[in-house]
PDB file of N, CA and C in Angstrom:
ATOM      1  N   UNK A   1      22.198 149.542 201.488  1.00  0.00           N
ATOM      2  CA  UNK A   1      22.154 147.860 201.761  1.00  0.00           C
ATOM      3  C   UNK A   1      22.039 147.367 200.442  1.00  0.00           C
ATOM      4  N   UNK A   2      20.932 147.465 199.861  1.00  0.00           N
ATOM      5  CA  UNK A   2      20.996 146.695 198.546  1.00  0.00           C
ATOM      6  C   UNK A   2      22.042 146.785 197.587  1.00  0.00           C
ATOM      7  N   UNK A   3      22.809 147.737 197.447  1.00  0.00           N
ATOM      8  CA  UNK A   3      23.660 147.850 196.680  1.00  0.00           C
ATOM      9  C   UNK A   3      24.979 146.746 197.207  1.00  0.00           C
ATOM     10  N   UNK A   4      25.372 146.884 198.439  1.00  0.00           N
ATOM     11  CA  UNK A   4      26.153 146.438 199.064  1.00  0.00           C
ATOM     12  C   UNK A   4      25.906 144.846 198.780  1.00  0.00           C
ATOM     13  N   UNK A   5      24.824 144.207 198.811  1.00  0.00           N
ATOM     14  CA  UNK A   5      24.583 142.612 198.964  1.00  0.00           C
ATOM     15  C   UNK A   5      24.650 142.379 197.593  1.00  0.00           C
ATOM     16  N   UNK A   6      23.968 143.350 196.505  1.00  0.00           N
ATOM     17  CA  UNK A   6      24.268 142.642 195.330  1.00  0.00           C
ATOM     18  C   UNK A   6      25.622 142.930 194.528  1.00  0.00           C
ATOM     19  N   UNK A   7      26.436 143.510 195.224  1.00  0.00           N
ATOM     20  CA  UNK A   7      27.798 143.874 194.671  1.00  0.00           C
ATOM     21  C   UNK A   7      28.561 142.776 195.594  1.00  0.00           C
ATOM     22  N   UNK A   8      28.172 142.262 196.398  1.00  0.00           N
ATOM     23  CA  UNK A   8      28.715 141.135 197.314  1.00  0.00           C
ATOM     24  C   UNK A   8      28.825 139.844 197.005  1.00  0.00           C
ATOM     25  N   UNK A   9      27.675 139.608 195.949  1.00  0.00           N
ATOM     26  CA  UNK A   9      27.002 138.226 195.956  1.00  0.00           C
ATOM     27  C   UNK A   9      26.903 138.179 194.227  1.00  0.00           C
ATOM     28  N   UNK A  10      28.207 137.315 193.497  1.00  0.00           N
ATOM     29  CA  UNK A  10      28.114 137.584 192.177  1.00  0.00           C
ATOM     30  C   UNK A  10      26.759 136.453 191.368  1.00  0.00           C
ATOM     31  N   UNK A  11      26.333 135.655 192.209  1.00  0.00           N
ATOM     32  CA  UNK A  11      24.982 134.749 191.823  1.00  0.00           C
ATOM     33  C   UNK A  11      23.928 135.730 191.844  1.00  0.00           C
ATOM     34  N   UNK A  12      23.691 136.554 192.749  1.00  0.00           N
ATOM     35  CA  UNK A  12      22.589 137.314 192.905  1.00  0.00           C
ATOM     36  C   UNK A  12      23.055 138.573 191.882  1.00  0.00           C
ATOM     37  N   UNK A  13      24.041 139.133 191.873  1.00  0.00           N
ATOM     38  CA  UNK A  13      24.400 140.349 190.811  1.00  0.00           C
ATOM     39  C   UNK A  13      23.925 139.871 189.433  1.00  0.00           C
ATOM     40  N   UNK A  14      24.491 138.812 189.273  1.00  0.00           N
ATOM     41  CA  UNK A  14      24.259 138.032 187.777  1.00  0.00           C
ATOM     42  C   UNK A  14      22.711 138.023 187.521  1.00  0.00           C
ATOM     43  N   UNK A  15      21.870 137.597 188.329  1.00  0.00           N
ATOM     44  CA  UNK A  15      20.251 137.034 188.425  1.00  0.00           C
ATOM     45  C   UNK A  15      19.933 138.875 188.110  1.00  0.00           C
ATOM     46  N   UNK A  16      20.173 139.706 188.882  1.00  0.00           N
ATOM     47  CA  UNK A  16      19.895 141.297 188.916  1.00  0.00           C
ATOM     48  C   UNK A  16      20.117 141.875 187.564  1.00  0.00           C
ATOM     49  N   UNK A  17      21.420 141.577 186.712  1.00  0.00           N
ATOM     50  CA  UNK A  17      21.826 142.022 185.726  1.00  0.00           C
ATOM     51  C   UNK A  17      20.896 141.419 184.429  1.00  0.00           C
ATOM     52  N   UNK A  18      20.624 140.022 184.790  1.00  0.00           N
ATOM     53  CA  UNK A  18      19.718 139.235 183.644  1.00  0.00           C
ATOM     54  C   UNK A  18      18.459 139.998 183.299  1.00  0.00           C
ATOM     55  N   UNK A  19      17.855 141.008 184.429  1.00  0.00           N
ATOM     56  CA  UNK A  19      16.740 141.661 183.973  1.00  0.00           C
ATOM     57  C   UNK A  19      16.603 142.852 183.453  1.00  0.00           C
ATOM     58  N   UNK A  20      18.193 143.250 182.949  1.00  0.00           N
ATOM     59  CA  UNK A  20      18.375 144.627 182.298  1.00  0.00           C
ATOM     60  C   UNK A  20      17.782 144.441 180.724  1.00  0.00           C
ATOM     61  N   UNK A  21      17.197 145.404 180.301  1.00  0.00           N
ATOM     62  CA  UNK A  21      16.553 146.831 180.835  1.00  0.00           C
ATOM     63  C   UNK A  21      15.369 146.929 181.205  1.00  0.00           C
ATOM     64  N   UNK A  22      14.804 145.932 181.571  1.00  0.00           N
ATOM     65  CA  UNK A  22      13.401 146.182 182.177  1.00  0.00           C
ATOM     66  C   UNK A  22      13.411 146.849 183.728  1.00  0.00           C
ATOM     67  N   UNK A  23      12.259 147.486 183.814  1.00  0.00           N
ATOM     68  CA  UNK A  23      12.140 147.634 185.388  1.00  0.00           C
ATOM     69  C   UNK A  23      11.644 146.974 186.218  1.00  0.00           C
ATOM     70  N   UNK A  24      12.139 146.611 187.240  1.00  0.00           N
ATOM     71  CA  UNK A  24      11.624 145.484 187.999  1.00  0.00           C
ATOM     72  C   UNK A  24      10.462 145.772 188.751  1.00  0.00           C
ATOM     73  N   UNK A  25       9.724 144.826 189.185  1.00  0.00           N
ATOM     74  CA  UNK A  25       8.157 145.154 189.746  1.00  0.00           C
ATOM     75  C   UNK A  25       8.062 144.293 190.899  1.00  0.00           C
ATOM     76  N   UNK A  26       7.705 144.652 192.003  1.00  0.00           N
ATOM     77  CA  UNK A  26       7.148 143.638 192.988  1.00  0.00           C
ATOM     78  C   UNK A  26       5.538 143.667 193.188  1.00  0.00           C
ATOM     79  N   UNK A  27       5.384 142.414 192.994  1.00  0.00           N
ATOM     80  CA  UNK A  27       3.798 142.222 192.721  1.00  0.00           C
ATOM     81  C   UNK A  27       3.258 141.638 194.100  1.00  0.00           C
ATOM     82  N   UNK A  28       2.634 142.329 194.851  1.00  0.00           N
ATOM     83  CA  UNK A  28       1.941 141.904 196.006  1.00  0.00           C
ATOM     84  C   UNK A  28       0.293 142.705 195.933  1.00  0.00           C
ATOM     85  N   UNK A  29      -0.424 141.824 195.834  1.00  0.00           N
ATOM     86  CA  UNK A  29      -1.822 142.703 196.179  1.00  0.00           C
ATOM     87  C   UNK A  29      -2.070 143.295 197.290  1.00  0.00           C
ATOM     88  N   UNK A  30      -1.551 143.104 198.416  1.00  0.00           N
ATOM     89  CA  UNK A  30      -1.781 144.016 199.447  1.00  0.00           C
ATOM     90  C   UNK A  30      -0.817 145.160 199.763  1.00  0.00           C
ATOM     91  N   UNK A  31       0.266 145.198 199.263  1.00  0.00           N
ATOM     92  CA  UNK A  31       1.154 146.403 199.320  1.00  0.00           C
ATOM     93  C   UNK A  31       1.119 147.339 197.949  1.00  0.00           C
ATOM     94  N   UNK A  32       0.608 148.367 198.399  1.00  0.00           N
ATOM     95  CA  UNK A  32       0.675 149.391 197.541  1.00  0.00           C
ATOM     96  C   UNK A  32       1.751 150.572 197.737  1.00  0.00           C
ATOM     97  N   UNK A  33       2.666 150.062 198.586  1.00  0.00           N
ATOM     98  CA  UNK A  33       3.650 151.110 199.008  1.00  0.00           C
ATOM     99  C   UNK A  33       5.065 150.522 198.261  1.00  0.00           C
ATOM    100  N   UNK A  34       5.506 149.543 198.933  1.00  0.00           N
ATOM    101  CA  UNK A  34       6.487 148.777 198.089  1.00  0.00           C
ATOM    102  C   UNK A  34       6.485 147.754 196.694  1.00  0.00           C
ATOM    103  N   UNK A  35       5.011 147.593 196.603  1.00  0.00           N
ATOM    104  CA  UNK A  35       4.697 146.889 195.654  1.00  0.00           C
ATOM    105  C   UNK A  35       3.873 147.631 194.805  1.00  0.00           C
ATOM    106  N   UNK A  36       3.375 147.022 193.613  1.00  0.00           N
ATOM    107  CA  UNK A  36       2.054 147.495 192.861  1.00  0.00           C
ATOM    108  C   UNK A  36       0.743 147.360 193.064  1.00  0.00           C
ATOM    109  N   UNK A  37       0.662 146.511 194.437  1.00  0.00           N
ATOM    110  CA  UNK A  37      -0.998 146.223 194.328  1.00  0.00           C
ATOM    111  C   UNK A  37      -1.704 145.519 193.908  1.00  0.00           C
ATOM    112  N   UNK A  38      -0.913 144.513 193.121  1.00  0.00           N
ATOM    113  CA  UNK A  38      -1.610 143.612 192.261  1.00  0.00           C
ATOM    114  C   UNK A  38      -0.911 142.524 192.368  1.00  0.00           C
ATOM    115  N   UNK A  39      -1.330 141.259 192.105  1.00  0.00           N
ATOM    116  CA  UNK A  39      -1.072 139.927 192.004  1.00  0.00           C
ATOM    117  C   UNK A  39       0.032 140.113 190.291  1.00  0.00           C
ATOM    118  N   UNK A  40       0.657 139.255 190.382  1.00  0.00           N
ATOM    119  CA  UNK A  40       1.621 138.398 189.231  1.00  0.00           C
ATOM    120  C   UNK A  40       0.676 138.344 188.083  1.00  0.00           C
ATOM    121  N   UNK A  41       0.163 137.724 188.420  1.00  0.00           N
ATOM    122  CA  UNK A  41      -1.079 137.029 186.979  1.00  0.00           C
ATOM    123  C   UNK A  41      -2.096 137.892 186.538  1.00  0.00           C
ATOM    124  N   UNK A  42      -2.130 139.004 187.370  1.00  0.00           N
ATOM    125  CA  UNK A  42      -3.156 140.133 186.836  1.00  0.00           C
ATOM    126  C   UNK A  42      -2.566 140.600 185.740  1.00  0.00           C
ATOM    127  N   UNK A  43      -3.927 140.803 184.895  1.00  0.00           N
ATOM    128  CA  UNK A  43      -2.987 141.673 183.617  1.00  0.00           C
ATOM    129  C   UNK A  43      -2.938 143.017 183.761  1.00  0.00           C
ATOM    130  N   UNK A  44      -3.471 143.602 184.790  1.00  0.00           N
ATOM    131  CA  UNK A  44      -2.980 144.876 185.005  1.00  0.00           C
ATOM    132  C   UNK A  44      -1.893 145.287 185.468  1.00  0.00           C
ATOM    133  N   UNK A  45      -1.156 144.042 185.611  1.00  0.00           N
ATOM    134  CA  UNK A  45       0.646 144.338 186.213  1.00  0.00           C
ATOM    135  C   UNK A  45       1.526 144.341 184.991  1.00  0.00           C
ATOM    136  N   UNK A  46       0.957 144.232 184.012  1.00  0.00           N
ATOM    137  CA  UNK A  46       1.889 144.445 182.805  1.00  0.00           C
ATOM    138  C   UNK A  46       2.219 146.089 182.304  1.00  0.00           C
ATOM    139  N   UNK A  47       1.046 146.523 182.876  1.00  0.00           N
ATOM    140  CA  UNK A  47       0.704 148.155 182.543  1.00  0.00           C
ATOM    141  C   UNK A  47       1.131 149.145 183.502  1.00  0.00           C
ATOM    142  N   UNK A  48       2.062 149.799 183.548  1.00  0.00           N
ATOM    143  CA  UNK A  48       2.729 150.734 184.758  1.00  0.00           C
ATOM    144  C   UNK A  48       1.307 151.782 185.131  1.00  0.00           C
ATOM    145  N   UNK A  49       0.680 151.933 184.103  1.00  0.00           N
ATOM    146  CA  UNK A  49      -0.476 153.190 184.131  1.00  0.00           C
ATOM    147  C   UNK A  49      -1.782 152.430 184.721  1.00  0.00           C
ATOM    148  N   UNK A  50      -1.831 150.994 184.951  1.00  0.00           N
ATOM    149  CA  UNK A  50      -2.983 150.479 185.795  1.00  0.00           C
ATOM    150  C   UNK A  50      -2.511 150.004 187.187  1.00  0.00           C
ATOM    151  N   UNK A  51      -1.095 150.277 187.709  1.00  0.00           N
ATOM    152  CA  UNK A  51      -0.565 149.535 188.954  1.00  0.00           C
ATOM    153  C   UNK A  51      -1.581 150.363 190.013  1.00  0.00           C
ATOM    154  N   UNK A  52      -1.713 149.747 191.069  1.00  0.00           N
ATOM    155  CA  UNK A  52      -2.509 150.573 192.096  1.00  0.00           C
ATOM    156  C   UNK A  52      -1.467 150.893 193.052  1.00  0.00           C
ATOM    157  N   UNK A  53      -0.309 150.640 193.256  1.00  0.00           N
ATOM    158  CA  UNK A  53       0.714 150.908 194.102  1.00  0.00           C
ATOM    159  C   UNK A  53       2.051 151.430 193.430  1.00  0.00           C
ATOM    160  N   UNK A  54       2.670 152.032 194.364  1.00  0.00           N
ATOM    161  CA  UNK A  54       3.903 152.838 194.198  1.00  0.00           C
ATOM    162  C   UNK A  54       5.213 152.043 193.344  1.00  0.00           C
ATOM    163  N   UNK A  55       5.314 150.822 193.846  1.00  0.00           N
ATOM    164  CA  UNK A  55       6.669 150.105 193.291  1.00  0.00           C
ATOM    165  C   UNK A  55       7.671 150.288 193.784  1.00  0.00           C
ATOM    166  N   UNK A  56       7.772 150.936 195.150  1.00  0.00           N
ATOM    167  CA  UNK A  56       9.275 151.503 195.686  1.00  0.00           C
ATOM    168  C   UNK A  56      10.295 150.506 195.578  1.00  0.00           C
ATOM    169  N   UNK A  57      10.255 149.111 195.739  1.00  0.00           N
ATOM    170  CA  UNK A  57      10.866 148.228 196.168  1.00  0.00           C
ATOM    171  C   UNK A  57      11.284 147.785 194.399  1.00  0.00           C
ATOM    172  N   UNK A  58      10.664 147.582 194.025  1.00  0.00           N
ATOM    173  CA  UNK A  58      11.210 147.447 192.283  1.00  0.00           C
ATOM    174  C   UNK A  58      12.063 148.795 191.758  1.00  0.00           C
ATOM    175  N   UNK A  59      11.513 149.671 192.367  1.00  0.00           N
ATOM    176  CA  UNK A  59      12.361 151.057 191.724  1.00  0.00           C
ATOM    177  C   UNK A  59      13.823 151.166 192.270  1.00  0.00           C
ATOM    178  N   UNK A  60      13.842 150.813 193.629  1.00  0.00           N
ATOM    179  CA  UNK A  60      15.070 150.707 194.363  1.00  0.00           C
ATOM    180  C   UNK A  60      15.883 149.555 193.653  1.00  0.00           C
ATOM    181  N   UNK A  61      15.275 148.379 193.436  1.00  0.00           N
ATOM    182  CA  UNK A  61      16.117 147.131 192.719  1.00  0.00           C
ATOM    183  C   UNK A  61      16.714 147.804 191.504  1.00  0.00           C
ATOM    184  N   UNK A  62      15.740 148.404 190.576  1.00  0.00           N
ATOM    185  CA  UNK A  62      15.931 148.757 189.299  1.00  0.00           C
ATOM    186  C   UNK A  62      17.338 149.888 189.300  1.00  0.00           C
ATOM    187  N   UNK A  63      17.335 150.719 190.183  1.00  0.00           N
ATOM    188  CA  UNK A  63      18.591 151.836 190.193  1.00  0.00           C
ATOM    189  C   UNK A  63      19.780 151.112 190.658  1.00  0.00           C
ATOM    190  N   UNK A  64      19.478 150.321 191.937  1.00  0.00           N
ATOM    191  CA  UNK A  64      20.725 149.343 192.174  1.00  0.00           C
ATOM    192  C   UNK A  64      21.252 148.549 190.789  1.00  0.00           C
ATOM    193  N   UNK A  65      20.582 147.926 190.207  1.00  0.00           N
ATOM    194  CA  UNK A  65      21.084 147.219 189.369  1.00  0.00           C
ATOM    195  C   UNK A  65      21.691 148.204 188.101  1.00  0.00           C
ATOM    196  N   UNK A  66      21.042 149.249 187.964  1.00  0.00           N
ATOM    197  CA  UNK A  66      21.665 150.308 186.872  1.00  0.00           C
ATOM    198  C   UNK A  66      23.200 150.991 187.183  1.00  0.00           C
ATOM    199  N   UNK A  67      23.133 150.992 188.645  1.00  0.00           N
ATOM    200  CA  UNK A  67      24.411 151.536 189.287  1.00  0.00           C
ATOM    201  C   UNK A  67      25.510 150.578 189.052  1.00  0.00           C
ATOM    202  N   UNK A  68      25.016 149.593 189.192  1.00  0.00           N
ATOM    203  CA  UNK A  68      26.229 148.198 189.322  1.00  0.00           C
ATOM    204  C   UNK A  68      26.701 148.029 187.911  1.00  0.00           C
ATOM    205  N   UNK A  69      25.457 148.064 187.037  1.00  0.00           N
ATOM    206  CA  UNK A  69      26.087 148.110 185.590  1.00  0.00           C
ATOM    207  C   UNK A  69      26.741 149.104 184.882  1.00  0.00           C
ATOM    208  N   UNK A  70      26.891 150.573 185.648  1.00  0.00           N
ATOM    209  CA  UNK A  70      27.782 151.504 185.013  1.00  0.00           C
ATOM    210  C   UNK A  70      29.038 150.993 184.698  1.00  0.00           C
ATOM    211  N   UNK A  71      29.811 149.976 185.485  1.00  0.00           N
ATOM    212  CA  UNK A  71      31.212 149.955 184.969  1.00  0.00           C
ATOM    213  C   UNK A  71      30.921 148.776 183.601  1.00  0.00           C
ATOM    214  N   UNK A  72      30.337 148.224 183.571  1.00  0.00           N
ATOM    215  CA  UNK A  72      30.039 147.030 182.058  1.00  0.00           C
ATOM    216  C   UNK A  72      29.504 147.792 180.929  1.00  0.00           C
ATOM    217  N   UNK A  73      29.025 149.258 181.252  1.00  0.00           N
ATOM    218  CA  UNK A  73      28.376 149.902 180.217  1.00  0.00           C
ATOM    219  C   UNK A  73      29.405 150.958 179.631  1.00  0.00           C
ATOM    220  N   UNK A  74      30.263 151.301 180.379  1.00  0.00           N
ATOM    221  CA  UNK A  74      31.043 152.626 180.078  1.00  0.00           C
ATOM    222  C   UNK A  74      32.520 151.791 179.708  1.00  0.00           C
ATOM    223  N   UNK A  75      33.134 152.514 178.831  1.00  0.00           N
ATOM    224  CA  UNK A  75      34.536 152.132 178.051  1.00  0.00           C
ATOM    225  C   UNK A  75      35.488 151.783 179.363  1.00  0.00           C
ATOM    226  N   UNK A  76      36.341 150.839 179.218  1.00  0.00           N
ATOM    227  CA  UNK A  76      37.134 150.733 180.348  1.00  0.00           C
ATOM    228  C   UNK A  76      38.064 151.986 180.289  1.00  0.00           C
ATOM    229  N   UNK A  77      38.718 152.601 178.927  1.00  0.00           N
ATOM    230  CA  UNK A  77      39.661 153.511 179.130  1.00  0.00           C
ATOM    231  C   UNK A  77      38.534 154.552 178.280  1.00  0.00           C
ATOM    232  N   UNK A  78      38.464 155.667 178.566  1.00  0.00           N
ATOM    233  CA  UNK A  78      37.530 156.344 177.470  1.00  0.00           C
ATOM    234  C   UNK A  78      38.405 157.339 176.518  1.00  0.00           C
ATOM    235  N   UNK A  79      39.784 157.102 176.626  1.00  0.00           N
ATOM    236  CA  UNK A  79      41.076 157.727 175.811  1.00  0.00           C
ATOM    237  C   UNK A  79      40.842 156.869 174.686  1.00  0.00           C
ATOM    238  N   UNK A  80      40.635 155.396 174.853  1.00  0.00           N
ATOM    239  CA  UNK A  80      40.837 154.682 173.794  1.00  0.00           C
ATOM    240  C   UNK A  80      39.803 154.317 172.786  1.00  0.00           C
ATOM    241  N   UNK A  81      38.619 155.201 173.336  1.00  0.00           N
ATOM    242  CA  UNK A  81      37.118 155.032 172.483  1.00  0.00           C
ATOM    243  C   UNK A  81      37.633 155.428 170.947  1.00  0.00           C
ATOM    244  N   UNK A  82      36.910 154.711 169.849  1.00  0.00           N
ATOM    245  CA  UNK A  82      37.120 154.979 168.732  1.00  0.00           C
ATOM    246  C   UNK A  82      36.659 156.457 168.348  1.00  0.00           C
ATOM    247  N   UNK A  83      37.163 157.162 167.314  1.00  0.00           N
ATOM    248  CA  UNK A  83      36.198 158.452 167.080  1.00  0.00           C
ATOM    249  C   UNK A  83      36.527 158.433 165.707  1.00  0.00           C
ATOM    250  N   UNK A  84      35.567 158.233 164.946  1.00  0.00           N
ATOM    251  CA  UNK A  84      35.560 158.184 163.235  1.00  0.00           C
ATOM    252  C   UNK A  84      35.689 159.705 162.581  1.00  0.00           C
ATOM    253  N   UNK A  85      35.734 160.929 163.655  1.00  0.00           N
ATOM    254  CA  UNK A  85      36.273 162.210 163.100  1.00  0.00           C
ATOM    255  C   UNK A  85      37.612 162.263 163.454  1.00  0.00           C
ATOM    256  N   UNK A  86      38.470 161.480 164.056  1.00  0.00           N
ATOM    257  CA  UNK A  86      39.674 161.682 164.454  1.00  0.00           C
ATOM    258  C   UNK A  86      40.649 161.420 163.472  1.00  0.00           C
ATOM    259  N   UNK A  87      41.593 162.182 163.282  1.00  0.00           N
ATOM    260  CA  UNK A  87      42.701 161.834 161.922  1.00  0.00           C
ATOM    261  C   UNK A  87      43.566 160.772 162.223  1.00  0.00           C
ATOM    262  N   UNK A  88      43.657 160.203 161.125  1.00  0.00           N
ATOM    263  CA  UNK A  88      44.605 158.523 161.336  1.00  0.00           C
ATOM    264  C   UNK A  88      46.038 158.723 161.415  1.00  0.00           C
ATOM    265  N   UNK A  89      46.690 158.328 162.285  1.00  0.00           N
ATOM    266  CA  UNK A  89      48.224 158.296 162.570  1.00  0.00           C
ATOM    267  C   UNK A  89      48.875 158.052 161.365  1.00  0.00           C
TER     268      UNK A  89
END
């Protein structure tokens, strides 16, 4: 669902891409499954080791972003990539 939503909406996709390469975090002090169980202003929210929650939503969105970005990070035509060890013609 998320992959489809972000791939169909250029504005949302660009906002998602702008977060690269950070891990996305859902900050909600009451949600320890989908969020990190902390408020965004809590200093512990900056350190994954001190999170109280699993951050499932943040991890899903991070994977969606990385999947969508694959086409931008890979060469358009792998045969045309430069190889410094290849003999010159």
